[in-house]
Amino acid sequence: MNDIYMLADTMIQQRIGDKLKSIRLKQNITQQSLAESADVSLSTVKKMENGTIRSFGSLLRVLRILGRLDVFLPLVEEEQLSPNEYYNLVYTAQKKTRKRAAGRISNREKEVSEW
């Protein structure tokens, strides 16, 4: 496969559409039944398979019905903290903040100071 960053957006959408169609056909699902199951219109399914994906929500519903929602797994997984990151997170949470002195400086002490 070519480097995906070298492809134009329309080419990426076309490849996604081709893949959706291929998956649907391998599962022996009609466009109409996919549309009904995903709660999208038949024209939406046809447009997706032709490379016109206008709604991310519709794409998610179609992928869910086709059992391929896992392609988004790397985007929704929470990243694991390294041991150093975890230590720093806990250490900074436990640090005590500095507090102000309890007493006030009297006017007499202020007058004595040259600074």
N, C-alpha and C. Protein backbone atom coordinates (compact mmCIF):
# COMPACT_ATOMS: atom_id res chain seq x y z
N MET A 1 0.84 -1.18 0.00
CA MET A 1 0.00 0.00 0.00
C MET A 1 0.89 1.24 0.00
N ASN A 2 0.42 2.25 -0.68
CA ASN A 2 1.14 3.53 -0.72
C ASN A 2 1.11 4.18 0.64
N ASP A 3 2.02 5.14 0.82
CA ASP A 3 2.02 5.93 2.05
C ASP A 3 0.73 6.73 2.09
N ILE A 4 -0.06 6.55 3.13
CA ILE A 4 -1.38 7.18 3.21
C ILE A 4 -1.28 8.70 3.21
N TYR A 5 -0.18 9.24 3.69
CA TYR A 5 -0.01 10.69 3.73
C TYR A 5 0.22 11.28 2.34
N MET A 6 0.56 10.44 1.40
CA MET A 6 0.79 10.90 0.03
C MET A 6 -0.51 10.92 -0.78
N LEU A 7 -1.57 10.30 -0.25
CA LEU A 7 -2.83 10.22 -0.98
C LEU A 7 -3.70 11.44 -0.72
N ALA A 8 -4.43 11.85 -1.73
CA ALA A 8 -5.39 12.94 -1.56
C ALA A 8 -6.57 12.43 -0.74
N ASP A 9 -7.28 13.35 -0.08
CA ASP A 9 -8.42 12.97 0.75
C ASP A 9 -9.47 12.20 -0.05
N THR A 10 -9.72 12.63 -1.27
CA THR A 10 -10.73 11.93 -2.08
C THR A 10 -10.30 10.51 -2.39
N MET A 11 -9.01 10.29 -2.57
CA MET A 11 -8.50 8.94 -2.84
C MET A 11 -8.65 8.06 -1.59
N ILE A 12 -8.40 8.64 -0.43
CA ILE A 12 -8.57 7.88 0.81
C ILE A 12 -10.04 7.50 0.99
N GLN A 13 -10.93 8.45 0.76
CA GLN A 13 -12.37 8.16 0.87
C GLN A 13 -12.78 7.09 -0.13
N GLN A 14 -12.23 7.14 -1.34
CA GLN A 14 -12.55 6.12 -2.35
C GLN A 14 -12.10 4.74 -1.89
N ARG A 15 -10.92 4.67 -1.32
CA ARG A 15 -10.43 3.37 -0.84
C ARG A 15 -11.26 2.85 0.34
N ILE A 16 -11.67 3.76 1.21
CA ILE A 16 -12.54 3.36 2.32
C ILE A 16 -13.86 2.85 1.77
N GLY A 17 -14.41 3.55 0.79
CA GLY A 17 -15.67 3.12 0.17
C GLY A 17 -15.54 1.75 -0.47
N ASP A 18 -14.45 1.52 -1.18
CA ASP A 18 -14.22 0.21 -1.81
C ASP A 18 -14.12 -0.89 -0.75
N LYS A 19 -13.47 -0.57 0.35
CA LYS A 19 -13.31 -1.55 1.44
C LYS A 19 -14.66 -1.85 2.09
N LEU A 20 -15.47 -0.81 2.30
CA LEU A 20 -16.80 -1.03 2.87
C LEU A 20 -17.62 -1.95 1.99
N LYS A 21 -17.57 -1.70 0.70
CA LYS A 21 -18.32 -2.53 -0.24
C LYS A 21 -17.83 -3.97 -0.21
N SER A 22 -16.51 -4.14 -0.18
CA SER A 22 -15.92 -5.48 -0.15
C SER A 22 -16.34 -6.24 1.12
N ILE A 23 -16.30 -5.56 2.25
CA ILE A 23 -16.69 -6.20 3.52
C ILE A 23 -18.17 -6.57 3.48
N ARG A 24 -18.98 -5.65 2.98
CA ARG A 24 -20.43 -5.91 2.90
C ARG A 24 -20.72 -7.12 2.03
N LEU A 25 -20.06 -7.20 0.88
CA LEU A 25 -20.30 -8.31 -0.04
C LEU A 25 -19.80 -9.64 0.54
N LYS A 26 -18.67 -9.63 1.23
CA LYS A 26 -18.15 -10.85 1.86
C LYS A 26 -19.10 -11.37 2.92
N GLN A 27 -19.83 -10.46 3.57
CA GLN A 27 -20.79 -10.86 4.60
C GLN A 27 -22.17 -11.12 4.00
N ASN A 28 -22.27 -11.02 2.68
CA ASN A 28 -23.51 -11.30 1.96
C ASN A 28 -24.67 -10.42 2.48
N ILE A 29 -24.39 -9.13 2.62
CA ILE A 29 -25.38 -8.17 3.08
C ILE A 29 -25.73 -7.24 1.92
N THR A 30 -26.98 -6.99 1.72
CA THR A 30 -27.38 -6.06 0.67
C THR A 30 -27.22 -4.63 1.17
N GLN A 31 -27.15 -3.71 0.23
CA GLN A 31 -27.06 -2.31 0.60
C GLN A 31 -28.29 -1.89 1.39
N GLN A 32 -29.44 -2.38 0.98
CA GLN A 32 -30.69 -2.03 1.64
C GLN A 32 -30.71 -2.51 3.09
N SER A 33 -30.33 -3.75 3.32
CA SER A 33 -30.35 -4.27 4.69
C SER A 33 -29.29 -3.59 5.56
N LEU A 34 -28.15 -3.25 4.98
CA LEU A 34 -27.13 -2.51 5.72
C LEU A 34 -27.66 -1.13 6.12
N ALA A 35 -28.32 -0.48 5.18
CA ALA A 35 -28.88 0.84 5.46
C ALA A 35 -29.90 0.77 6.58
N GLU A 36 -30.77 -0.22 6.53
CA GLU A 36 -31.80 -0.37 7.56
C GLU A 36 -31.18 -0.68 8.92
N SER A 37 -30.22 -1.58 8.94
CA SER A 37 -29.59 -1.97 10.20
C SER A 37 -28.79 -0.82 10.81
N ALA A 38 -28.15 -0.01 9.96
CA ALA A 38 -27.33 1.09 10.44
C ALA A 38 -28.14 2.36 10.64
N ASP A 39 -29.41 2.31 10.31
CA ASP A 39 -30.30 3.46 10.45
C ASP A 39 -29.80 4.66 9.63
N VAL A 40 -29.39 4.36 8.40
CA VAL A 40 -29.03 5.39 7.43
C VAL A 40 -29.83 5.12 6.15
N SER A 41 -29.85 6.08 5.26
CA SER A 41 -30.59 5.89 4.02
C SER A 41 -29.81 5.01 3.05
N LEU A 42 -30.53 4.42 2.11
CA LEU A 42 -29.89 3.60 1.09
C LEU A 42 -28.92 4.46 0.27
N SER A 43 -29.31 5.68 -0.02
CA SER A 43 -28.43 6.56 -0.80
C SER A 43 -27.13 6.87 -0.04
N THR A 44 -27.21 6.92 1.27
CA THR A 44 -26.00 7.15 2.08
C THR A 44 -25.03 6.00 1.93
N VAL A 45 -25.55 4.77 1.99
CA VAL A 45 -24.69 3.59 1.81
C VAL A 45 -24.08 3.60 0.42
N LYS A 46 -24.87 3.90 -0.59
CA LYS A 46 -24.36 3.93 -1.97
C LYS A 46 -23.29 5.00 -2.12
N LYS A 47 -23.53 6.18 -1.53
CA LYS A 47 -22.55 7.26 -1.62
C LYS A 47 -21.25 6.88 -0.90
N MET A 48 -21.37 6.23 0.26
CA MET A 48 -20.18 5.81 0.99
C MET A 48 -19.35 4.84 0.16
N GLU A 49 -20.03 3.89 -0.46
CA GLU A 49 -19.31 2.90 -1.26
C GLU A 49 -18.71 3.51 -2.51
N ASN A 50 -19.22 4.66 -2.93
CA ASN A 50 -18.64 5.37 -4.07
C ASN A 50 -17.59 6.39 -3.65
N GLY A 51 -17.28 6.46 -2.34
CA GLY A 51 -16.21 7.31 -1.87
C GLY A 51 -16.65 8.68 -1.39
N THR A 52 -17.95 8.86 -1.16
CA THR A 52 -18.44 10.13 -0.64
C THR A 52 -18.94 9.90 0.77
N ILE A 53 -18.11 10.20 1.74
CA ILE A 53 -18.46 10.01 3.14
C ILE A 53 -18.66 11.38 3.74
N ARG A 54 -19.92 11.74 3.96
CA ARG A 54 -20.24 13.08 4.43
C ARG A 54 -20.49 13.15 5.94
N SER A 55 -20.87 12.03 6.53
CA SER A 55 -21.20 12.04 7.95
C SER A 55 -20.37 11.00 8.69
N PHE A 56 -19.62 11.47 9.67
CA PHE A 56 -18.82 10.56 10.48
C PHE A 56 -19.72 9.63 11.29
N GLY A 57 -20.83 10.17 11.77
CA GLY A 57 -21.78 9.35 12.54
C GLY A 57 -22.33 8.20 11.71
N SER A 58 -22.66 8.48 10.46
CA SER A 58 -23.17 7.43 9.58
C SER A 58 -22.09 6.38 9.32
N LEU A 59 -20.86 6.83 9.14
CA LEU A 59 -19.76 5.89 8.94
C LEU A 59 -19.60 5.00 10.16
N LEU A 60 -19.69 5.57 11.34
CA LEU A 60 -19.58 4.76 12.57
C LEU A 60 -20.69 3.72 12.64
N ARG A 61 -21.91 4.11 12.31
CA ARG A 61 -23.02 3.16 12.37
C ARG A 61 -22.85 2.03 11.37
N VAL A 62 -22.39 2.35 10.16
CA VAL A 62 -22.16 1.32 9.14
C VAL A 62 -21.05 0.38 9.58
N LEU A 63 -19.96 0.94 10.08
CA LEU A 63 -18.85 0.09 10.54
C LEU A 63 -19.26 -0.79 11.71
N ARG A 64 -20.11 -0.27 12.59
CA ARG A 64 -20.59 -1.07 13.72
C ARG A 64 -21.38 -2.29 13.22
N ILE A 65 -22.26 -2.07 12.24
CA ILE A 65 -23.06 -3.17 11.70
C ILE A 65 -22.17 -4.18 10.98
N LEU A 66 -21.15 -3.70 10.29
CA LEU A 66 -20.24 -4.60 9.57
C LEU A 66 -19.23 -5.28 10.49
N GLY A 67 -19.22 -4.89 11.77
CA GLY A 67 -18.30 -5.51 12.72
C GLY A 67 -16.88 -5.02 12.57
N ARG A 68 -16.70 -3.82 12.05
CA ARG A 68 -15.35 -3.31 11.81
C ARG A 68 -15.08 -2.00 12.55
N LEU A 69 -15.80 -1.75 13.61
CA LEU A 69 -15.61 -0.54 14.40
C LEU A 69 -14.24 -0.52 15.07
N ASP A 70 -13.59 -1.68 15.15
CA ASP A 70 -12.29 -1.78 15.79
C ASP A 70 -11.20 -1.00 15.06
N VAL A 71 -11.45 -0.53 13.85
CA VAL A 71 -10.43 0.26 13.15
C VAL A 71 -10.15 1.56 13.89
N PHE A 72 -11.08 2.00 14.74
CA PHE A 72 -10.90 3.23 15.49
C PHE A 72 -10.33 2.99 16.88
N LEU A 73 -10.04 1.76 17.21
CA LEU A 73 -9.54 1.42 18.54
C LEU A 73 -8.30 2.22 18.96
N PRO A 74 -7.31 2.39 18.08
CA PRO A 74 -6.14 3.18 18.50
C PRO A 74 -6.48 4.63 18.85
N LEU A 75 -7.57 5.14 18.32
CA LEU A 75 -7.94 6.52 18.58
C LEU A 75 -8.71 6.70 19.89
N VAL A 76 -9.34 5.64 20.39
CA VAL A 76 -10.16 5.78 21.58
C VAL A 76 -9.53 5.15 22.82
N GLU A 77 -8.46 4.39 22.65
CA GLU A 77 -7.79 3.79 23.80
C GLU A 77 -7.05 4.86 24.59
N GLU A 78 -7.09 4.74 25.90
CA GLU A 78 -6.32 5.64 26.74
C GLU A 78 -4.87 5.17 26.74
N GLU A 79 -3.98 6.14 26.65
CA GLU A 79 -2.57 5.80 26.65
C GLU A 79 -2.12 5.40 28.05
N GLN A 80 -1.25 4.43 28.11
CA GLN A 80 -0.70 3.97 29.38
C GLN A 80 0.43 4.90 29.80
N LEU A 81 0.48 5.23 31.07
CA LEU A 81 1.56 6.06 31.58
C LEU A 81 2.79 5.21 31.80
N SER A 82 3.94 5.77 31.49
CA SER A 82 5.19 5.08 31.80
C SER A 82 5.40 5.17 33.30
N PRO A 83 6.25 4.33 33.87
CA PRO A 83 6.50 4.41 35.31
C PRO A 83 6.99 5.80 35.75
N ASN A 84 7.81 6.45 34.94
CA ASN A 84 8.29 7.80 35.28
C ASN A 84 7.14 8.80 35.26
N GLU A 85 6.27 8.72 34.25
CA GLU A 85 5.13 9.63 34.17
C GLU A 85 4.20 9.44 35.36
N TYR A 86 3.99 8.18 35.75
CA TYR A 86 3.13 7.88 36.89
C TYR A 86 3.73 8.45 38.18
N TYR A 87 5.04 8.25 38.36
CA TYR A 87 5.72 8.77 39.55
C TYR A 87 5.59 10.28 39.61
N ASN A 88 5.88 10.95 38.49
CA ASN A 88 5.79 12.42 38.46
C ASN A 88 4.37 12.89 38.75
N LEU A 89 3.38 12.21 38.24
CA LEU A 89 1.99 12.57 38.49
C LEU A 89 1.66 12.46 39.97
N VAL A 90 2.05 11.35 40.59
CA VAL A 90 1.78 11.14 42.02
C VAL A 90 2.60 12.11 42.86
N TYR A 91 3.86 12.30 42.52
CA TYR A 91 4.74 13.17 43.29
C TYR A 91 4.24 14.61 43.28
N THR A 92 3.84 15.11 42.13
CA THR A 92 3.37 16.50 42.06
C THR A 92 2.04 16.65 42.78
N ALA A 93 1.23 15.63 42.81
CA ALA A 93 -0.04 15.70 43.53
C ALA A 93 0.18 15.73 45.04
N GLN A 94 1.27 15.12 45.50
CA GLN A 94 1.54 15.06 46.94
C GLN A 94 2.32 16.27 47.44
N LYS A 95 2.88 17.05 46.55
CA LYS A 95 3.66 18.21 46.97
C LYS A 95 2.78 19.17 47.74
N LYS A 96 3.34 19.69 48.81
CA LYS A 96 2.59 20.67 49.59
C LYS A 96 2.82 22.04 48.99
N THR A 97 1.78 22.83 48.99
CA THR A 97 1.92 24.19 48.50
C THR A 97 2.43 25.08 49.62
N ARG A 98 3.15 26.11 49.26
CA ARG A 98 3.66 27.04 50.25
C ARG A 98 2.52 27.85 50.82
N LYS A 99 2.62 28.14 52.09
CA LYS A 99 1.60 28.94 52.75
C LYS A 99 2.22 30.25 53.19
N ARG A 100 1.38 31.25 53.29
CA ARG A 100 1.84 32.56 53.75
C ARG A 100 2.13 32.52 55.25
N ALA A 101 2.96 33.45 55.65
CA ALA A 101 3.26 33.57 57.07
C ALA A 101 1.99 33.99 57.81
N ALA A 102 1.88 33.55 59.04
CA ALA A 102 0.67 33.80 59.81
C ALA A 102 0.55 35.25 60.26
N GLY A 103 1.67 35.87 60.61
CA GLY A 103 1.62 37.23 61.15
C GLY A 103 1.74 38.29 60.08
N ARG A 104 1.42 39.51 60.48
CA ARG A 104 1.56 40.64 59.57
C ARG A 104 2.73 41.51 60.03
N ILE A 105 3.28 42.23 59.09
CA ILE A 105 4.37 43.15 59.42
C ILE A 105 3.74 44.43 59.93
N SER A 106 4.20 44.88 61.07
CA SER A 106 3.63 46.09 61.65
C SER A 106 4.13 47.31 60.89
N ASN A 107 3.42 48.42 61.04
CA ASN A 107 3.80 49.66 60.37
C ASN A 107 5.18 50.14 60.84
N ARG A 108 5.51 49.89 62.10
CA ARG A 108 6.79 50.32 62.63
C ARG A 108 7.94 49.59 61.91
N GLU A 109 7.78 48.30 61.65
CA GLU A 109 8.82 47.53 60.97
C GLU A 109 8.96 47.99 59.52
N LYS A 110 7.87 48.42 58.89
CA LYS A 110 7.93 48.90 57.53
C LYS A 110 8.72 50.20 57.44
N GLU A 111 8.56 51.06 58.42
CA GLU A 111 9.24 52.36 58.40
C GLU A 111 10.74 52.21 58.61
N VAL A 112 11.16 51.21 59.35
CA VAL A 112 12.57 51.02 59.64
C VAL A 112 13.33 50.58 58.40
N SER A 113 12.71 49.81 57.56
CA SER A 113 13.38 49.26 56.39
C SER A 113 13.61 50.33 55.35
N GLU A 114 14.81 50.38 54.79
CA GLU A 114 15.17 51.32 53.74
C GLU A 114 14.73 50.82 52.37
N TRP A 115 14.48 49.60 52.28
CA TRP A 115 14.12 49.03 50.98
C TRP A 115 12.67 49.14 50.80
